[in-house]
Amino acid sequence: MSLQDELTAVERSLDELIRSVGRLEARIGAGLDIRRVRSDTDHLRESLALLKQSVAAGPPGRPGAADEEMVPISDAPYNSALWTDAEDEGLGSRNGHAP
């Protein structure tokens, strides 16, 4: 099943849910609980519309992603002299104890 078919199936299911909520509202009245469910279904409809728009626009790209160059990083160990004066875990003292 294609992505468009999946979105269409979700849209049909959501339409049926909205119709069912409408029938339920007609039977039990417009109380707070049913208004919350109605609001949730409205939000789902809006979210699905946004999802369909983003899918139609294509995959999200990062700005400049095509211009990025891969930089190889060697698997060889680093020279330990690079870390001689480094602080351990940000404690800030050479003896390893917090000040």
N, C-alpha and C. Protein backbone atom coordinates (compact mmCIF):
# COMPACT_ATOMS: atom_id res chain seq x y z
N MET A 1 0.85 -1.17 0.00
CA MET A 1 0.00 0.00 0.00
C MET A 1 0.90 1.24 0.00
N SER A 2 0.61 2.17 -0.87
CA SER A 2 1.44 3.37 -0.98
C SER A 2 1.14 4.33 0.17
N LEU A 3 2.02 5.29 0.33
CA LEU A 3 1.84 6.28 1.39
C LEU A 3 0.55 7.06 1.18
N GLN A 4 0.26 7.41 -0.05
CA GLN A 4 -0.97 8.15 -0.34
C GLN A 4 -2.20 7.31 -0.01
N ASP A 5 -2.13 6.00 -0.29
CA ASP A 5 -3.24 5.10 0.06
C ASP A 5 -3.43 5.03 1.57
N GLU A 6 -2.31 4.98 2.30
CA GLU A 6 -2.39 4.95 3.77
C GLU A 6 -3.03 6.22 4.31
N LEU A 7 -2.63 7.36 3.78
CA LEU A 7 -3.20 8.64 4.23
C LEU A 7 -4.69 8.70 3.92
N THR A 8 -5.07 8.20 2.75
CA THR A 8 -6.49 8.19 2.38
C THR A 8 -7.28 7.28 3.32
N ALA A 9 -6.70 6.13 3.67
CA ALA A 9 -7.37 5.21 4.59
C ALA A 9 -7.55 5.84 5.97
N VAL A 10 -6.52 6.55 6.43
CA VAL A 10 -6.62 7.23 7.72
C VAL A 10 -7.68 8.32 7.66
N GLU A 11 -7.72 9.03 6.55
CA GLU A 11 -8.72 10.09 6.39
C GLU A 11 -10.15 9.52 6.42
N ARG A 12 -10.35 8.39 5.75
CA ARG A 12 -11.68 7.76 5.76
C ARG A 12 -12.05 7.30 7.17
N SER A 13 -11.08 6.72 7.87
CA SER A 13 -11.34 6.26 9.24
C SER A 13 -11.67 7.44 10.15
N LEU A 14 -10.96 8.53 9.97
CA LEU A 14 -11.23 9.72 10.78
C LEU A 14 -12.60 10.30 10.46
N ASP A 15 -12.98 10.29 9.19
CA ASP A 15 -14.32 10.76 8.81
C ASP A 15 -15.40 9.91 9.48
N GLU A 16 -15.18 8.60 9.52
CA GLU A 16 -16.15 7.70 10.17
C GLU A 16 -16.19 7.97 11.67
N LEU A 17 -15.03 8.21 12.28
CA LEU A 17 -15.00 8.54 13.70
C LEU A 17 -15.79 9.82 13.98
N ILE A 18 -15.61 10.82 13.14
CA ILE A 18 -16.32 12.09 13.33
C ILE A 18 -17.83 11.88 13.19
N ARG A 19 -18.24 11.06 12.21
CA ARG A 19 -19.68 10.77 12.07
C ARG A 19 -20.20 10.02 13.30
N SER A 20 -19.41 9.09 13.82
CA SER A 20 -19.83 8.33 15.01
C SER A 20 -19.95 9.24 16.23
N VAL A 21 -19.02 10.16 16.37
CA VAL A 21 -19.09 11.11 17.49
C VAL A 21 -20.32 11.98 17.35
N GLY A 22 -20.66 12.38 16.12
CA GLY A 22 -21.87 13.16 15.88
C GLY A 22 -23.12 12.41 16.28
N ARG A 23 -23.18 11.12 15.92
CA ARG A 23 -24.34 10.31 16.30
C ARG A 23 -24.42 10.15 17.81
N LEU A 24 -23.27 9.94 18.43
CA LEU A 24 -23.22 9.81 19.89
C LEU A 24 -23.67 11.10 20.57
N GLU A 25 -23.24 12.22 20.03
CA GLU A 25 -23.63 13.52 20.58
C GLU A 25 -25.14 13.72 20.46
N ALA A 26 -25.72 13.26 19.37
CA ALA A 26 -27.17 13.39 19.18
C ALA A 26 -27.93 12.55 20.21
N ARG A 27 -27.33 11.44 20.63
CA ARG A 27 -28.02 10.56 21.59
C ARG A 27 -27.86 11.01 23.03
N ILE A 28 -26.67 11.51 23.39
CA ILE A 28 -26.44 11.83 24.81
C ILE A 28 -26.43 13.32 25.12
N GLY A 29 -26.48 14.15 24.10
CA GLY A 29 -26.49 15.58 24.34
C GLY A 29 -25.08 16.18 24.28
N ALA A 30 -25.05 17.49 24.38
CA ALA A 30 -23.80 18.22 24.20
C ALA A 30 -23.18 18.58 25.54
N GLY A 31 -22.80 17.59 26.30
CA GLY A 31 -22.15 17.83 27.59
C GLY A 31 -20.67 18.11 27.41
N LEU A 32 -20.01 18.34 28.52
CA LEU A 32 -18.59 18.67 28.51
C LEU A 32 -17.76 17.53 27.91
N ASP A 33 -18.06 16.30 28.30
CA ASP A 33 -17.28 15.16 27.82
C ASP A 33 -17.35 15.00 26.30
N ILE A 34 -18.53 15.12 25.75
CA ILE A 34 -18.69 14.95 24.31
C ILE A 34 -18.07 16.12 23.56
N ARG A 35 -18.09 17.31 24.16
CA ARG A 35 -17.42 18.46 23.54
C ARG A 35 -15.92 18.24 23.48
N ARG A 36 -15.37 17.62 24.52
CA ARG A 36 -13.94 17.33 24.52
C ARG A 36 -13.60 16.32 23.43
N VAL A 37 -14.43 15.30 23.27
CA VAL A 37 -14.20 14.31 22.22
C VAL A 37 -14.31 14.97 20.85
N ARG A 38 -15.32 15.82 20.69
CA ARG A 38 -15.49 16.54 19.42
C ARG A 38 -14.26 17.41 19.13
N SER A 39 -13.76 18.09 20.15
CA SER A 39 -12.57 18.92 19.99
C SER A 39 -11.35 18.06 19.59
N ASP A 40 -11.24 16.90 20.21
CA ASP A 40 -10.12 16.00 19.87
C ASP A 40 -10.21 15.53 18.42
N THR A 41 -11.41 15.21 17.96
CA THR A 41 -11.54 14.78 16.57
C THR A 41 -11.24 15.93 15.60
N ASP A 42 -11.62 17.15 15.99
CA ASP A 42 -11.28 18.31 15.16
C ASP A 42 -9.78 18.51 15.08
N HIS A 43 -9.10 18.31 16.22
CA HIS A 43 -7.64 18.44 16.22
C HIS A 43 -6.99 17.36 15.35
N LEU A 44 -7.54 16.15 15.42
CA LEU A 44 -7.02 15.08 14.57
C LEU A 44 -7.18 15.42 13.09
N ARG A 45 -8.31 15.99 12.74
CA ARG A 45 -8.54 16.38 11.34
C ARG A 45 -7.51 17.43 10.91
N GLU A 46 -7.27 18.43 11.76
CA GLU A 46 -6.28 19.46 11.45
C GLU A 46 -4.88 18.86 11.34
N SER A 47 -4.54 17.97 12.26
CA SER A 47 -3.21 17.35 12.24
C SER A 47 -3.02 16.50 10.99
N LEU A 48 -4.04 15.77 10.59
CA LEU A 48 -3.95 14.96 9.39
C LEU A 48 -3.79 15.85 8.15
N ALA A 49 -4.48 16.96 8.11
CA ALA A 49 -4.33 17.89 6.98
C ALA A 49 -2.90 18.42 6.91
N LEU A 50 -2.32 18.75 8.06
CA LEU A 50 -0.93 19.22 8.08
C LEU A 50 0.03 18.11 7.65
N LEU A 51 -0.24 16.89 8.08
CA LEU A 51 0.59 15.76 7.69
C LEU A 51 0.54 15.55 6.18
N LYS A 52 -0.65 15.62 5.62
CA LYS A 52 -0.79 15.45 4.17
C LYS A 52 -0.04 16.54 3.41
N GLN A 53 -0.08 17.77 3.93
CA GLN A 53 0.66 18.86 3.28
C GLN A 53 2.16 18.62 3.33
N SER A 54 2.65 18.17 4.49
CA SER A 54 4.09 17.96 4.61
C SER A 54 4.56 16.79 3.75
N VAL A 55 3.73 15.76 3.60
CA VAL A 55 4.08 14.64 2.74
C VAL A 55 4.08 15.08 1.29
N ALA A 56 3.12 15.92 0.91
CA ALA A 56 3.05 16.40 -0.46
C ALA A 56 4.25 17.29 -0.80
N ALA A 57 4.79 17.98 0.22
CA ALA A 57 5.93 18.87 -0.01
C ALA A 57 7.23 18.09 -0.19
N GLY A 58 7.23 16.82 0.17
CA GLY A 58 8.43 16.01 0.03
C GLY A 58 9.15 15.86 1.35
N PRO A 59 10.22 15.06 1.34
CA PRO A 59 10.94 14.84 2.59
C PRO A 59 11.61 16.11 3.08
N PRO A 60 11.62 16.28 4.40
CA PRO A 60 12.24 17.49 4.93
C PRO A 60 13.74 17.46 4.70
N GLY A 61 14.27 18.57 4.25
CA GLY A 61 15.71 18.66 4.01
C GLY A 61 16.34 19.68 4.94
N ARG A 62 17.57 19.44 5.22
CA ARG A 62 18.30 20.42 6.03
C ARG A 62 18.89 21.46 5.10
N PRO A 63 18.88 22.71 5.52
CA PRO A 63 19.49 23.75 4.68
C PRO A 63 20.96 23.44 4.47
N GLY A 64 21.38 23.44 3.23
CA GLY A 64 22.78 23.21 2.92
C GLY A 64 23.19 21.75 2.99
N ALA A 65 22.26 20.84 3.15
CA ALA A 65 22.62 19.43 3.29
C ALA A 65 23.35 18.91 2.06
N ALA A 66 22.98 19.40 0.89
CA ALA A 66 23.63 18.95 -0.33
C ALA A 66 25.06 19.46 -0.42
N ASP A 67 25.35 20.56 0.26
CA ASP A 67 26.67 21.16 0.21
C ASP A 67 27.63 20.59 1.24
N GLU A 68 27.14 19.78 2.18
CA GLU A 68 28.00 19.26 3.23
C GLU A 68 28.97 18.23 2.67
N GLU A 69 30.18 18.28 3.19
CA GLU A 69 31.20 17.35 2.75
C GLU A 69 31.48 16.36 3.88
N MET A 70 31.58 15.10 3.54
CA MET A 70 31.90 14.08 4.53
C MET A 70 33.38 14.20 4.89
N VAL A 71 33.65 14.18 6.18
CA VAL A 71 35.03 14.27 6.66
C VAL A 71 35.38 12.94 7.30
N PRO A 72 36.36 12.23 6.75
CA PRO A 72 36.72 10.94 7.35
C PRO A 72 37.44 11.15 8.68
N ILE A 73 37.16 10.28 9.64
CA ILE A 73 37.80 10.34 10.94
C ILE A 73 38.51 9.01 11.14
N SER A 74 39.78 9.11 11.45
CA SER A 74 40.61 7.91 11.58
C SER A 74 40.22 7.11 12.81
N ASP A 75 40.39 5.81 12.73
CA ASP A 75 40.15 4.93 13.86
C ASP A 75 41.38 4.81 14.75
N ALA A 76 42.47 5.41 14.34
CA ALA A 76 43.71 5.34 15.13
C ALA A 76 43.51 6.08 16.45
N PRO A 77 44.11 5.61 17.53
CA PRO A 77 43.96 6.29 18.83
C PRO A 77 44.56 7.69 18.79
N TYR A 78 43.97 8.59 19.58
CA TYR A 78 44.50 9.95 19.68
C TYR A 78 45.79 9.95 20.48
N ASN A 79 46.59 10.95 20.24
CA ASN A 79 47.81 11.15 21.00
C ASN A 79 47.41 11.54 22.42
N SER A 80 47.84 10.80 23.43
CA SER A 80 47.45 11.06 24.81
C SER A 80 47.96 12.41 25.31
N ALA A 81 48.99 12.97 24.68
CA ALA A 81 49.50 14.28 25.08
C ALA A 81 48.46 15.38 24.84
N LEU A 82 47.50 15.12 23.97
CA LEU A 82 46.45 16.11 23.71
C LEU A 82 45.59 16.33 24.95
N TRP A 83 45.52 15.36 25.85
CA TRP A 83 44.62 15.41 26.99
C TRP A 83 45.35 15.66 28.32
N THR A 84 46.63 16.00 28.27
CA THR A 84 47.42 16.16 29.49
C THR A 84 46.84 17.20 30.43
N ASP A 85 46.47 18.35 29.93
CA ASP A 85 45.97 19.44 30.78
C ASP A 85 44.45 19.51 30.83
N ALA A 86 43.78 18.50 30.33
CA ALA A 86 42.31 18.53 30.28
C ALA A 86 41.73 18.27 31.67
N GLU A 87 40.60 18.90 31.93
CA GLU A 87 39.90 18.68 33.19
C GLU A 87 39.07 17.41 33.10
N ASP A 88 38.96 16.69 34.18
CA ASP A 88 38.19 15.46 34.20
C ASP A 88 36.75 15.76 34.60
N GLU A 89 35.83 15.56 33.66
CA GLU A 89 34.40 15.75 33.92
C GLU A 89 34.07 17.13 34.48
N GLY A 90 34.86 18.12 34.17
CA GLY A 90 34.55 19.48 34.57
C GLY A 90 34.77 19.77 36.04
N LEU A 91 35.47 18.90 36.77
CA LEU A 91 35.67 19.16 38.20
C LEU A 91 36.62 20.35 38.42
N GLY A 92 37.53 20.57 37.49
CA GLY A 92 38.34 21.77 37.54
C GLY A 92 39.57 21.71 38.40
N SER A 93 39.95 20.56 38.91
CA SER A 93 41.19 20.52 39.66
C SER A 93 42.03 19.33 39.19
N ARG A 94 43.32 19.47 39.31
CA ARG A 94 44.23 18.44 38.81
C ARG A 94 44.20 17.18 39.68
N ASN A 95 43.88 17.28 40.96
CA ASN A 95 43.89 16.10 41.82
C ASN A 95 42.56 15.32 41.77
N GLY A 96 41.60 15.77 40.95
CA GLY A 96 40.37 15.04 40.74
C GLY A 96 39.29 15.27 41.78
N HIS A 97 39.48 16.21 42.68
CA HIS A 97 38.48 16.50 43.69
C HIS A 97 37.89 17.87 43.44
N ALA A 98 36.62 18.01 43.75
CA ALA A 98 35.95 19.29 43.56
C ALA A 98 36.51 20.31 44.55
N PRO A 99 36.64 21.56 44.13
CA PRO A 99 37.17 22.60 45.03
C PRO A 99 36.25 22.86 46.21
